[in-house]
Protein backbone atom coordinates (compact mmCIF):
# COMPACT_ATOMS: atom_id res chain seq x y z
CA MET A 1 6.72 11.30 20.15
CA PRO A 2 7.75 12.96 16.81
CA ALA A 3 8.18 16.63 16.40
CA PRO A 4 4.96 18.51 15.57
CA LEU A 5 6.20 18.92 11.95
CA PHE A 6 6.32 15.11 11.44
CA ARG A 7 2.98 14.11 13.26
CA PRO A 8 0.74 14.06 10.06
CA LEU A 9 3.35 12.34 7.82
CA PRO A 10 2.63 8.66 8.83
CA ARG A 11 -1.12 9.02 7.86
CA ILE A 12 -0.15 10.78 4.55
CA PHE A 13 2.39 8.04 3.64
CA LEU A 14 -0.04 5.24 4.57
CA ARG A 15 -2.96 6.82 2.65
CA THR A 16 -0.73 7.38 -0.45
CA PHE A 17 1.36 4.13 -0.57
CA GLY A 18 -0.52 1.76 1.66
CA GLU A 19 -2.39 -1.39 0.83
CA ARG A 20 -5.99 -1.14 -0.37
CA GLU A 21 -7.24 -3.40 2.34
CA PRO A 22 -6.32 -2.74 5.95
CA ALA A 23 -3.77 -5.14 7.69
CA LEU A 24 -4.77 -7.08 10.75
CA TYR A 25 -2.34 -6.60 13.60
CA SER A 26 -2.34 -8.52 16.86
CA GLU A 27 -0.12 -8.35 19.86
CA ALA A 28 0.61 -11.46 21.83
CA GLY A 29 -2.70 -12.82 23.13
CA GLY A 30 -4.69 -9.72 21.87
CA GLU A 31 -7.47 -9.55 19.46
CA PRO A 32 -6.57 -8.55 15.89
CA ARG A 33 -7.40 -4.97 14.83
CA GLU A 34 -7.25 -3.22 11.42
CA ILE A 35 -4.39 -0.88 10.74
CA ALA A 36 -2.94 0.74 7.60
CA ALA A 37 0.32 -0.81 6.33
CA ILE A 38 2.76 -0.49 3.39
CA PHE A 39 3.95 -4.01 2.49
CA ASN A 40 7.19 -4.87 0.77
CA SER A 41 7.85 -8.39 -0.43
CA ALA A 42 11.14 -10.25 0.25
CA TYR A 43 13.79 -9.75 -2.31
CA ALA A 44 17.48 -10.65 -2.99
CA GLN A 45 19.62 -7.90 -4.41
CA THR A 46 22.30 -9.05 -6.80
CA ASP A 47 25.25 -7.32 -8.43
CA ALA A 48 26.08 -7.03 -12.16
CA VAL A 49 27.45 -10.61 -12.41
CA GLY A 50 24.57 -12.20 -10.61
CA VAL A 51 26.08 -12.65 -7.15
CA GLN A 52 23.69 -12.19 -4.33
CA ILE A 53 24.84 -9.22 -2.20
CA GLU A 54 21.85 -8.59 0.00
CA ASP A 55 18.95 -10.71 1.26
CA THR A 56 16.00 -8.80 2.65
CA ARG A 57 13.06 -10.11 4.58
CA PRO A 58 9.46 -8.89 3.72
CA THR A 59 8.59 -5.81 5.68
CA ALA A 60 5.61 -3.71 6.50
CA TRP A 61 5.63 -0.02 7.39
CA VAL A 62 3.00 1.11 9.87
CA ALA A 63 2.29 4.15 12.00
CA THR A 64 4.12 3.68 15.40
CA VAL A 65 1.02 4.81 17.20
CA ASP A 66 -1.02 1.85 15.64
CA ALA A 67 1.63 -0.71 16.79
CA PRO A 68 3.54 0.85 19.65
CA ASN A 69 4.68 -2.52 21.06
CA ALA A 70 5.28 -4.40 17.81
CA GLY A 71 8.12 -6.87 17.98
CA ASP A 72 8.20 -7.02 21.74
CA SER A 73 6.81 -10.61 21.72
CA ASP A 74 7.42 -13.64 19.50
CA GLU A 75 3.67 -13.87 19.32
CA ASP A 76 3.02 -10.62 17.50
CA ARG A 77 1.47 -11.06 14.10
CA ILE A 78 0.34 -9.00 11.10
CA THR A 79 -1.87 -10.30 8.21
CA VAL A 80 -1.42 -8.50 4.96
CA GLY A 81 -3.19 -9.55 1.78
CA GLY A 82 -4.56 -12.73 3.44
CA LYS A 83 -1.20 -13.90 4.56
CA THR A 84 -0.16 -13.93 8.19
CA TRP A 85 3.36 -13.06 9.27
CA ARG A 86 5.32 -13.17 12.52
CA ILE A 87 6.89 -9.87 13.46
CA VAL A 88 10.53 -10.67 13.82
CA ALA A 89 11.82 -7.15 14.65
CA CYS A 90 10.67 -3.56 14.70
CA LYS A 91 12.64 -0.52 13.81
CA ARG A 92 11.09 2.84 14.79
CA ASP A 93 12.24 5.84 12.79
CA GLY A 94 11.51 8.46 15.42
CA LYS A 95 9.21 10.30 13.06
CA GLY A 96 6.12 8.26 13.66
CA MET A 97 6.70 5.25 11.47
CA SER A 98 7.92 1.72 12.23
CA GLU A 99 9.41 -0.83 9.90
CA LEU A 100 8.28 -4.34 10.88
CA GLN A 101 10.54 -7.16 9.67
CA LEU A 102 8.40 -10.24 8.90
CA GLY A 103 8.97 -13.93 8.94
CA ASN A 104 6.85 -16.97 8.32
CA VAL A 105 4.57 -18.18 10.98
């Protein structure tokens, strides 16, 4: 659980930067439920001469409390903007937010 100072931050971030429509999150075998998410598309970072130096998967930032077990199963899914993604991995920041690394279903 984050320190008291950080507890309101996930909701503030999600209200400010989140998608207009809620995402649908479902754990393996569970019913989908609406949660707030900040979605980032995949991109490939290049250097000055056009050589690819980093390849990044699409990600979604969510409040950890909304998806506490995200990434624990290969069957976890999130739908953002009408597209369903498989949750490949989850990184919790310790301050109430989780970064979900996404892959194609």
